[in-house]
All heavy atoms as atom14 arrays in JSON, in Angstrom:
{
  "sequence": "AASTLTLVKSTLKIMTYAKLKLSLGIAAAILLTAGAATVAISQID",
  "atom14_mask": [
    [1, 1, 1, 1, 1, 0, 0, 0, 0, 0, 0, 0, 0, 0],
    [1, 1, 1, 1, 1, 0, 0, 0, 0, 0, 0, 0, 0, 0],
    [1, 1, 1, 1, 1, 1, 0, 0, 0, 0, 0, 0, 0, 0],
    [1, 1, 1, 1, 1, 1, 1, 0, 0, 0, 0, 0, 0, 0],
    [1, 1, 1, 1, 1, 1, 1, 1, 0, 0, 0, 0, 0, 0],
    [1, 1, 1, 1, 1, 1, 1, 0, 0, 0, 0, 0, 0, 0],
    [1, 1, 1, 1, 1, 1, 1, 1, 0, 0, 0, 0, 0, 0],
    [1, 1, 1, 1, 1, 1, 1, 0, 0, 0, 0, 0, 0, 0],
    [1, 1, 1, 1, 1, 1, 1, 1, 1, 0, 0, 0, 0, 0],
    [1, 1, 1, 1, 1, 1, 0, 0, 0, 0, 0, 0, 0, 0],
    [1, 1, 1, 1, 1, 1, 1, 0, 0, 0, 0, 0, 0, 0],
    [1, 1, 1, 1, 1, 1, 1, 1, 0, 0, 0, 0, 0, 0],
    [1, 1, 1, 1, 1, 1, 1, 1, 1, 0, 0, 0, 0, 0],
    [1, 1, 1, 1, 1, 1, 1, 1, 0, 0, 0, 0, 0, 0],
    [1, 1, 1, 1, 1, 1, 1, 1, 0, 0, 0, 0, 0, 0],
    [1, 1, 1, 1, 1, 1, 1, 0, 0, 0, 0, 0, 0, 0],
    [1, 1, 1, 1, 1, 1, 1, 1, 1, 1, 1, 1, 0, 0],
    [1, 1, 1, 1, 1, 0, 0, 0, 0, 0, 0, 0, 0, 0],
    [1, 1, 1, 1, 1, 1, 1, 1, 1, 0, 0, 0, 0, 0],
    [1, 1, 1, 1, 1, 1, 1, 1, 0, 0, 0, 0, 0, 0],
    [1, 1, 1, 1, 1, 1, 1, 1, 1, 0, 0, 0, 0, 0],
    [1, 1, 1, 1, 1, 1, 1, 1, 0, 0, 0, 0, 0, 0],
    [1, 1, 1, 1, 1, 1, 0, 0, 0, 0, 0, 0, 0, 0],
    [1, 1, 1, 1, 1, 1, 1, 1, 0, 0, 0, 0, 0, 0],
    [1, 1, 1, 1, 0, 0, 0, 0, 0, 0, 0, 0, 0, 0],
    [1, 1, 1, 1, 1, 1, 1, 1, 0, 0, 0, 0, 0, 0],
    [1, 1, 1, 1, 1, 0, 0, 0, 0, 0, 0, 0, 0, 0],
    [1, 1, 1, 1, 1, 0, 0, 0, 0, 0, 0, 0, 0, 0],
    [1, 1, 1, 1, 1, 0, 0, 0, 0, 0, 0, 0, 0, 0],
    [1, 1, 1, 1, 1, 1, 1, 1, 0, 0, 0, 0, 0, 0],
    [1, 1, 1, 1, 1, 1, 1, 1, 0, 0, 0, 0, 0, 0],
    [1, 1, 1, 1, 1, 1, 1, 1, 0, 0, 0, 0, 0, 0],
    [1, 1, 1, 1, 1, 1, 1, 0, 0, 0, 0, 0, 0, 0],
    [1, 1, 1, 1, 1, 0, 0, 0, 0, 0, 0, 0, 0, 0],
    [1, 1, 1, 1, 0, 0, 0, 0, 0, 0, 0, 0, 0, 0],
    [1, 1, 1, 1, 1, 0, 0, 0, 0, 0, 0, 0, 0, 0],
    [1, 1, 1, 1, 1, 0, 0, 0, 0, 0, 0, 0, 0, 0],
    [1, 1, 1, 1, 1, 1, 1, 0, 0, 0, 0, 0, 0, 0],
    [1, 1, 1, 1, 1, 1, 1, 0, 0, 0, 0, 0, 0, 0],
    [1, 1, 1, 1, 1, 0, 0, 0, 0, 0, 0, 0, 0, 0],
    [1, 1, 1, 1, 1, 1, 1, 1, 0, 0, 0, 0, 0, 0],
    [1, 1, 1, 1, 1, 1, 0, 0, 0, 0, 0, 0, 0, 0],
    [1, 1, 1, 1, 1, 1, 1, 1, 1, 0, 0, 0, 0, 0],
    [1, 1, 1, 1, 1, 1, 1, 1, 0, 0, 0, 0, 0, 0],
    [1, 1, 1, 1, 1, 1, 1, 1, 0, 0, 0, 0, 0, 0]
  ],
  "atom14_positions": [
    [[0.84, -1.2, 0.0], [0.0, 0.0, 0.0], [0.87, 1.25, 0.0], [2.0, 1.25, 0.5], [-0.91, -0.01, 1.22], [0.0, 0.0, 0.0], [0.0, 0.0, 0.0], [0.0, 0.0, 0.0], [0.0, 0.0, 0.0], [0.0, 0.0, 0.0], [0.0, 0.0, 0.0], [0.0, 0.0, 0.0], [0.0, 0.0, 0.0], [0.0, 0.0, 0.0]],
    [[0.34, 2.33, -0.56], [1.1, 3.58, -0.64], [1.49, 4.07, 0.74], [2.61, 4.57, 0.94], [0.27, 4.63, -1.37], [0.0, 0.0, 0.0], [0.0, 0.0, 0.0], [0.0, 0.0, 0.0], [0.0, 0.0, 0.0], [0.0, 0.0, 0.0], [0.0, 0.0, 0.0], [0.0, 0.0, 0.0], [0.0, 0.0, 0.0], [0.0, 0.0, 0.0]],
    [[0.6, 3.93, 1.71], [0.9, 4.38, 3.07], [2.05, 3.57, 3.67], [2.89, 4.09, 4.4], [-0.34, 4.28, 3.96], [-0.82, 2.94, 4.0], [0.0, 0.0, 0.0], [0.0, 0.0, 0.0], [0.0, 0.0, 0.0], [0.0, 0.0, 0.0], [0.0, 0.0, 0.0], [0.0, 0.0, 0.0], [0.0, 0.0, 0.0], [0.0, 0.0, 0.0]],
    [[2.1, 2.27, 3.35], [3.19, 1.43, 3.85], [4.51, 1.85, 3.25], [5.54, 1.94, 3.93], [2.91, -0.05, 3.53], [1.66, -0.43, 4.1], [4.01, -0.94, 4.08], [0.0, 0.0, 0.0], [0.0, 0.0, 0.0], [0.0, 0.0, 0.0], [0.0, 0.0, 0.0], [0.0, 0.0, 0.0], [0.0, 0.0, 0.0], [0.0, 0.0, 0.0]],
    [[4.53, 2.12, 1.95], [5.76, 2.54, 1.29], [6.23, 3.9, 1.82], [7.43, 4.14, 1.94], [5.54, 2.6, -0.22], [5.26, 1.25, -0.9], [4.99, 1.44, -2.38], [6.43, 0.29, -0.67], [0.0, 0.0, 0.0], [0.0, 0.0, 0.0], [0.0, 0.0, 0.0], [0.0, 0.0, 0.0], [0.0, 0.0, 0.0], [0.0, 0.0, 0.0]],
    [[5.27, 4.79, 2.13], [5.64, 6.08, 2.74], [6.3, 5.85, 4.09], [7.29, 6.5, 4.43], [4.39, 6.96, 2.9], [3.82, 7.22, 1.61], [4.74, 8.28, 3.57], [0.0, 0.0, 0.0], [0.0, 0.0, 0.0], [0.0, 0.0, 0.0], [0.0, 0.0, 0.0], [0.0, 0.0, 0.0], [0.0, 0.0, 0.0], [0.0, 0.0, 0.0]],
    [[5.73, 4.93, 4.86], [6.29, 4.61, 6.16], [7.69, 4.01, 6.02], [8.6, 4.34, 6.78], [5.36, 3.64, 6.9], [5.8, 3.19, 8.29], [5.95, 4.38, 9.22], [4.77, 2.2, 8.86], [0.0, 0.0, 0.0], [0.0, 0.0, 0.0], [0.0, 0.0, 0.0], [0.0, 0.0, 0.0], [0.0, 0.0, 0.0], [0.0, 0.0, 0.0]],
    [[7.88, 3.14, 5.06], [9.2, 2.56, 4.81], [10.21, 3.64, 4.49], [11.31, 3.69, 5.05], [9.13, 1.54, 3.65], [10.54, 1.14, 3.2], [8.34, 0.31, 4.07], [0.0, 0.0, 0.0], [0.0, 0.0, 0.0], [0.0, 0.0, 0.0], [0.0, 0.0, 0.0], [0.0, 0.0, 0.0], [0.0, 0.0, 0.0], [0.0, 0.0, 0.0]],
    [[9.85, 4.54, 3.6], [10.79, 5.58, 3.16], [11.2, 6.49, 4.3], [12.39, 6.76, 4.51], [10.14, 6.41, 2.05], [11.04, 7.48, 1.46], [10.34, 8.23, 0.33], [11.25, 9.31, -0.25], [10.57, 10.04, -1.35], [0.0, 0.0, 0.0], [0.0, 0.0, 0.0], [0.0, 0.0, 0.0], [0.0, 0.0, 0.0], [0.0, 0.0, 0.0]],
    [[10.23, 6.97, 5.1], [10.56, 7.9, 6.17], [11.29, 7.2, 7.31], [12.16, 7.79, 7.96], [9.3, 8.59, 6.69], [8.32, 7.64, 7.08], [0.0, 0.0, 0.0], [0.0, 0.0, 0.0], [0.0, 0.0, 0.0], [0.0, 0.0, 0.0], [0.0, 0.0, 0.0], [0.0, 0.0, 0.0], [0.0, 0.0, 0.0], [0.0, 0.0, 0.0]],
    [[10.97, 5.92, 7.57], [11.66, 5.19, 8.63], [13.11, 4.92, 8.24], [14.01, 5.0, 9.08], [10.94, 3.87, 8.93], [9.6, 4.14, 9.34], [11.65, 3.1, 10.04], [0.0, 0.0, 0.0], [0.0, 0.0, 0.0], [0.0, 0.0, 0.0], [0.0, 0.0, 0.0], [0.0, 0.0, 0.0], [0.0, 0.0, 0.0], [0.0, 0.0, 0.0]],
    [[13.36, 4.6, 6.99], [14.74, 4.43, 6.52], [15.55, 5.7, 6.71], [16.73, 5.66, 7.06], [14.75, 4.0, 5.05], [14.46, 2.52, 4.79], [14.22, 2.29, 3.31], [15.61, 1.65, 5.29], [0.0, 0.0, 0.0], [0.0, 0.0, 0.0], [0.0, 0.0, 0.0], [0.0, 0.0, 0.0], [0.0, 0.0, 0.0], [0.0, 0.0, 0.0]],
    [[14.91, 6.84, 6.5], [15.6, 8.12, 6.72], [15.98, 8.27, 8.19], [17.09, 8.67, 8.53], [14.71, 9.29, 6.29], [14.62, 9.5, 4.79], [13.82, 10.76, 4.49], [13.76, 11.01, 2.99], [13.01, 12.24, 2.68], [0.0, 0.0, 0.0], [0.0, 0.0, 0.0], [0.0, 0.0, 0.0], [0.0, 0.0, 0.0], [0.0, 0.0, 0.0]],
    [[15.02, 7.95, 9.06], [15.28, 8.06, 10.49], [16.45, 7.15, 10.88], [17.36, 7.56, 11.61], [14.03, 7.67, 11.3], [12.95, 8.74, 11.13], [14.36, 7.5, 12.78], [11.64, 8.4, 11.81], [0.0, 0.0, 0.0], [0.0, 0.0, 0.0], [0.0, 0.0, 0.0], [0.0, 0.0, 0.0], [0.0, 0.0, 0.0], [0.0, 0.0, 0.0]],
    [[16.45, 5.93, 10.41], [17.51, 4.98, 10.76], [18.86, 5.45, 10.24], [19.88, 5.33, 10.92], [17.17, 3.6, 10.21], [15.94, 2.96, 10.85], [15.44, 1.43, 10.04], [16.84, 0.38, 10.45], [0.0, 0.0, 0.0], [0.0, 0.0, 0.0], [0.0, 0.0, 0.0], [0.0, 0.0, 0.0], [0.0, 0.0, 0.0], [0.0, 0.0, 0.0]],
    [[18.88, 5.99, 9.03], [20.14, 6.47, 8.46], [20.7, 7.62, 9.26], [21.89, 7.65, 9.61], [19.91, 6.92, 7.01], [19.44, 5.81, 6.24], [21.21, 7.45, 6.4], [0.0, 0.0, 0.0], [0.0, 0.0, 0.0], [0.0, 0.0, 0.0], [0.0, 0.0, 0.0], [0.0, 0.0, 0.0], [0.0, 0.0, 0.0], [0.0, 0.0, 0.0]],
    [[19.85, 8.58, 9.58], [20.33, 9.75, 10.33], [20.69, 9.37, 11.76], [21.64, 9.91, 12.33], [19.27, 10.85, 10.33], [19.25, 11.62, 9.03], [18.13, 11.61, 8.21], [20.34, 12.38, 8.65], [18.11, 12.31, 7.03], [20.32, 13.09, 7.46], [19.2, 13.05, 6.64], [19.2, 13.75, 5.47], [0.0, 0.0, 0.0], [0.0, 0.0, 0.0]],
    [[19.95, 8.45, 12.36], [20.27, 8.03, 13.72], [21.64, 7.37, 13.78], [22.44, 7.62, 14.68], [19.2, 7.07, 14.25], [0.0, 0.0, 0.0], [0.0, 0.0, 0.0], [0.0, 0.0, 0.0], [0.0, 0.0, 0.0], [0.0, 0.0, 0.0], [0.0, 0.0, 0.0], [0.0, 0.0, 0.0], [0.0, 0.0, 0.0], [0.0, 0.0, 0.0]],
    [[21.92, 6.52, 12.8], [23.23, 5.85, 12.75], [24.34, 6.86, 12.52], [25.41, 6.79, 13.14], [23.23, 4.81, 11.63], [24.51, 3.98, 11.58], [24.4, 2.89, 10.52], [25.67, 2.05, 10.47], [25.59, 1.0, 9.44], [0.0, 0.0, 0.0], [0.0, 0.0, 0.0], [0.0, 0.0, 0.0], [0.0, 0.0, 0.0], [0.0, 0.0, 0.0]],
    [[24.1, 7.83, 11.66], [25.11, 8.85, 11.37], [25.39, 9.69, 12.6], [26.54, 9.94, 12.95], [24.61, 9.75, 10.23], [25.51, 10.93, 9.88], [26.86, 10.45, 9.36], [24.84, 11.81, 8.83], [0.0, 0.0, 0.0], [0.0, 0.0, 0.0], [0.0, 0.0, 0.0], [0.0, 0.0, 0.0], [0.0, 0.0, 0.0], [0.0, 0.0, 0.0]],
    [[24.34, 10.1, 13.3], [24.52, 10.94, 14.48], [25.21, 10.19, 15.6], [26.02, 10.75, 16.33], [23.17, 11.47, 14.97], [22.55, 12.48, 14.03], [21.14, 12.83, 14.44], [21.13, 13.61, 15.73], [19.77, 14.02, 16.12], [0.0, 0.0, 0.0], [0.0, 0.0, 0.0], [0.0, 0.0, 0.0], [0.0, 0.0, 0.0], [0.0, 0.0, 0.0]],
    [[24.9, 8.9, 15.73], [25.53, 8.12, 16.79], [27.02, 7.96, 16.52], [27.85, 8.1, 17.41], [24.86, 6.75, 16.89], [25.37, 5.83, 18.0], [25.14, 6.48, 19.36], [24.67, 4.48, 17.92], [0.0, 0.0, 0.0], [0.0, 0.0, 0.0], [0.0, 0.0, 0.0], [0.0, 0.0, 0.0], [0.0, 0.0, 0.0], [0.0, 0.0, 0.0]],
    [[27.39, 7.7, 15.27], [28.8, 7.48, 14.94], [29.61, 8.75, 15.03], [30.78, 8.73, 15.38], [28.92, 6.88, 13.53], [28.42, 7.78, 12.56], [0.0, 0.0, 0.0], [0.0, 0.0, 0.0], [0.0, 0.0, 0.0], [0.0, 0.0, 0.0], [0.0, 0.0, 0.0], [0.0, 0.0, 0.0], [0.0, 0.0, 0.0], [0.0, 0.0, 0.0]],
    [[29.03, 9.88, 14.72], [29.75, 11.15, 14.77], [29.63, 11.85, 16.1], [30.34, 12.83, 16.38], [29.23, 12.09, 13.66], [29.44, 11.6, 12.22], [28.85, 12.6, 11.24], [30.92, 11.39, 11.92], [0.0, 0.0, 0.0], [0.0, 0.0, 0.0], [0.0, 0.0, 0.0], [0.0, 0.0, 0.0], [0.0, 0.0, 0.0], [0.0, 0.0, 0.0]],
    [[28.73, 11.38, 16.96], [28.54, 12.02, 18.28], [27.9, 13.39, 18.17], [28.17, 14.27, 18.97], [0.0, 0.0, 0.0], [0.0, 0.0, 0.0], [0.0, 0.0, 0.0], [0.0, 0.0, 0.0], [0.0, 0.0, 0.0], [0.0, 0.0, 0.0], [0.0, 0.0, 0.0], [0.0, 0.0, 0.0], [0.0, 0.0, 0.0], [0.0, 0.0, 0.0]],
    [[27.03, 13.58, 17.18], [26.4, 14.88, 16.98], [25.22, 15.01, 17.93], [24.33, 14.16, 17.94], [25.91, 15.04, 15.53], [27.1, 14.9, 14.58], [25.22, 16.37, 15.33], [26.7, 14.89, 13.13], [0.0, 0.0, 0.0], [0.0, 0.0, 0.0], [0.0, 0.0, 0.0], [0.0, 0.0, 0.0], [0.0, 0.0, 0.0], [0.0, 0.0, 0.0]],
    [[25.2, 16.07, 18.73], [24.14, 16.22, 19.72], [22.92, 16.93, 19.16], [21.81, 16.69, 19.59], [24.67, 17.0, 20.92], [0.0, 0.0, 0.0], [0.0, 0.0, 0.0], [0.0, 0.0, 0.0], [0.0, 0.0, 0.0], [0.0, 0.0, 0.0], [0.0, 0.0, 0.0], [0.0, 0.0, 0.0], [0.0, 0.0, 0.0], [0.0, 0.0, 0.0]],
    [[23.11, 17.82, 18.2], [21.98, 18.6, 17.68], [21.09, 17.73, 16.82], [21.55, 16.82, 16.14], [22.5, 19.78, 16.87], [0.0, 0.0, 0.0], [0.0, 0.0, 0.0], [0.0, 0.0, 0.0], [0.0, 0.0, 0.0], [0.0, 0.0, 0.0], [0.0, 0.0, 0.0], [0.0, 0.0, 0.0], [0.0, 0.0, 0.0], [0.0, 0.0, 0.0]],
    [[19.79, 17.98, 16.86], [18.84, 17.2, 16.06], [19.01, 17.51, 14.59], [19.21, 18.65, 14.18], [17.41, 17.55, 16.48], [0.0, 0.0, 0.0], [0.0, 0.0, 0.0], [0.0, 0.0, 0.0], [0.0, 0.0, 0.0], [0.0, 0.0, 0.0], [0.0, 0.0, 0.0], [0.0, 0.0, 0.0], [0.0, 0.0, 0.0], [0.0, 0.0, 0.0]],
    [[18.99, 16.47, 13.75], [19.08, 16.64, 12.3], [17.68, 16.81, 11.73], [16.77, 16.06, 12.05], [19.78, 15.43, 11.66], [21.22, 15.34, 12.16], [19.75, 15.51, 10.15], [21.97, 14.13, 11.65], [0.0, 0.0, 0.0], [0.0, 0.0, 0.0], [0.0, 0.0, 0.0], [0.0, 0.0, 0.0], [0.0, 0.0, 0.0], [0.0, 0.0, 0.0]],
    [[17.51, 17.8, 10.88], [16.21, 18.06, 10.31], [15.88, 17.0, 9.26], [16.66, 16.72, 8.37], [16.18, 19.45, 9.64], [16.4, 20.63, 10.59], [16.41, 21.93, 9.81], [15.3, 20.66, 11.64], [0.0, 0.0, 0.0], [0.0, 0.0, 0.0], [0.0, 0.0, 0.0], [0.0, 0.0, 0.0], [0.0, 0.0, 0.0], [0.0, 0.0, 0.0]],
    [[14.7, 16.39, 9.41], [14.24, 15.39, 8.46], [13.1, 15.96, 7.62], [12.51, 16.99, 7.95], [13.75, 14.14, 9.2], [14.79, 13.49, 10.14], [14.17, 12.29, 10.81], [16.02, 13.08, 9.38], [0.0, 0.0, 0.0], [0.0, 0.0, 0.0], [0.0, 0.0, 0.0], [0.0, 0.0, 0.0], [0.0, 0.0, 0.0], [0.0, 0.0, 0.0]],
    [[12.79, 15.27, 6.56], [11.69, 15.71, 5.7], [10.38, 15.69, 6.46], [9.58, 16.61, 6.38], [11.58, 14.78, 4.47], [12.83, 14.8, 3.79], [10.46, 15.26, 3.55], [0.0, 0.0, 0.0], [0.0, 0.0, 0.0], [0.0, 0.0, 0.0], [0.0, 0.0, 0.0], [0.0, 0.0, 0.0], [0.0, 0.0, 0.0], [0.0, 0.0, 0.0]],
    [[10.16, 14.64, 7.22], [8.94, 14.57, 8.04], [9.2, 15.24, 9.36], [9.98, 14.76, 10.17], [8.55, 13.11, 8.26], [0.0, 0.0, 0.0], [0.0, 0.0, 0.0], [0.0, 0.0, 0.0], [0.0, 0.0, 0.0], [0.0, 0.0, 0.0], [0.0, 0.0, 0.0], [0.0, 0.0, 0.0], [0.0, 0.0, 0.0], [0.0, 0.0, 0.0]],
    [[8.55, 16.38, 9.6], [8.8, 17.14, 10.81], [8.49, 16.36, 12.07], [9.19, 16.46, 13.07], [0.0, 0.0, 0.0], [0.0, 0.0, 0.0], [0.0, 0.0, 0.0], [0.0, 0.0, 0.0], [0.0, 0.0, 0.0], [0.0, 0.0, 0.0], [0.0, 0.0, 0.0], [0.0, 0.0, 0.0], [0.0, 0.0, 0.0], [0.0, 0.0, 0.0]],
    [[7.43, 15.56, 12.05], [7.07, 14.79, 13.24], [8.15, 13.77, 13.56], [8.43, 13.48, 14.72], [5.74, 14.08, 13.02], [0.0, 0.0, 0.0], [0.0, 0.0, 0.0], [0.0, 0.0, 0.0], [0.0, 0.0, 0.0], [0.0, 0.0, 0.0], [0.0, 0.0, 0.0], [0.0, 0.0, 0.0], [0.0, 0.0, 0.0], [0.0, 0.0, 0.0]],
    [[8.74, 13.18, 12.52], [9.8, 12.21, 12.75], [11.01, 12.86, 13.39], [11.73, 12.25, 14.15], [10.19, 11.54, 11.43], [0.0, 0.0, 0.0], [0.0, 0.0, 0.0], [0.0, 0.0, 0.0], [0.0, 0.0, 0.0], [0.0, 0.0, 0.0], [0.0, 0.0, 0.0], [0.0, 0.0, 0.0], [0.0, 0.0, 0.0], [0.0, 0.0, 0.0]],
    [[11.25, 14.14, 13.06], [12.38, 14.87, 13.66], [12.24, 14.92, 15.17], [13.2, 14.71, 15.89], [12.42, 16.31, 13.11], [12.52, 16.27, 11.69], [13.6, 17.07, 13.68], [0.0, 0.0, 0.0], [0.0, 0.0, 0.0], [0.0, 0.0, 0.0], [0.0, 0.0, 0.0], [0.0, 0.0, 0.0], [0.0, 0.0, 0.0], [0.0, 0.0, 0.0]],
    [[11.02, 15.18, 15.65], [10.79, 15.24, 17.09], [11.12, 13.91, 17.74], [11.79, 13.83, 18.77], [9.33, 15.63, 17.39], [9.06, 15.57, 18.88], [9.04, 17.02, 16.85], [0.0, 0.0, 0.0], [0.0, 0.0, 0.0], [0.0, 0.0, 0.0], [0.0, 0.0, 0.0], [0.0, 0.0, 0.0], [0.0, 0.0, 0.0], [0.0, 0.0, 0.0]],
    [[10.66, 12.81, 17.13], [10.86, 11.5, 17.72], [12.33, 11.13, 17.81], [12.83, 10.72, 18.85], [10.1, 10.44, 16.9], [0.0, 0.0, 0.0], [0.0, 0.0, 0.0], [0.0, 0.0, 0.0], [0.0, 0.0, 0.0], [0.0, 0.0, 0.0], [0.0, 0.0, 0.0], [0.0, 0.0, 0.0], [0.0, 0.0, 0.0], [0.0, 0.0, 0.0]],
    [[13.07, 11.29, 16.71], [14.46, 10.87, 16.71], [15.32, 11.82, 17.54], [16.28, 11.4, 18.17], [14.99, 10.76, 15.27], [16.34, 10.03, 15.27], [15.15, 12.12, 14.62], [16.27, 8.63, 15.78], [0.0, 0.0, 0.0], [0.0, 0.0, 0.0], [0.0, 0.0, 0.0], [0.0, 0.0, 0.0], [0.0, 0.0, 0.0], [0.0, 0.0, 0.0]],
    [[14.97, 13.11, 17.58], [15.74, 14.04, 18.39], [15.65, 13.68, 19.87], [16.64, 13.76, 20.59], [15.22, 15.47, 18.17], [15.41, 15.87, 16.85], [0.0, 0.0, 0.0], [0.0, 0.0, 0.0], [0.0, 0.0, 0.0], [0.0, 0.0, 0.0], [0.0, 0.0, 0.0], [0.0, 0.0, 0.0], [0.0, 0.0, 0.0], [0.0, 0.0, 0.0]],
    [[14.47, 13.3, 20.33], [14.31, 12.93, 21.73], [15.09, 11.66, 22.05], [15.72, 11.55, 23.1], [12.83, 12.72, 22.05], [12.56, 12.44, 23.52], [13.06, 13.55, 24.41], [12.79, 14.72, 24.18], [13.84, 13.19, 25.42], [0.0, 0.0, 0.0], [0.0, 0.0, 0.0], [0.0, 0.0, 0.0], [0.0, 0.0, 0.0], [0.0, 0.0, 0.0]],
    [[15.05, 10.69, 21.12], [15.81, 9.46, 21.33], [17.28, 9.77, 21.49], [17.94, 9.33, 22.42], [15.59, 8.5, 20.14], [14.16, 7.94, 20.16], [16.6, 7.36, 20.17], [13.8, 7.15, 18.93], [0.0, 0.0, 0.0], [0.0, 0.0, 0.0], [0.0, 0.0, 0.0], [0.0, 0.0, 0.0], [0.0, 0.0, 0.0], [0.0, 0.0, 0.0]],
    [[17.84, 10.58, 20.58], [19.27, 10.87, 20.62], [19.64, 11.71, 21.82], [20.69, 11.52, 22.42], [19.68, 11.6, 19.33], [19.62, 10.67, 18.12], [19.58, 9.45, 18.33], [19.62, 11.18, 17.0], [0.0, 0.0, 0.0], [0.0, 0.0, 0.0], [0.0, 0.0, 0.0], [0.0, 0.0, 0.0], [0.0, 0.0, 0.0], [0.0, 0.0, 0.0]]
  ]
}
């Protein structure tokens, strides 16, 4: 379904940025295309 593919795409972005931030030790939140996802991953990090 289109909604599932949208979820796949945005979740892959979150995982990519989370891995990048963890490896570089970056504390500031990285802006994502989905603004709501930015809030979630920023709090996790």
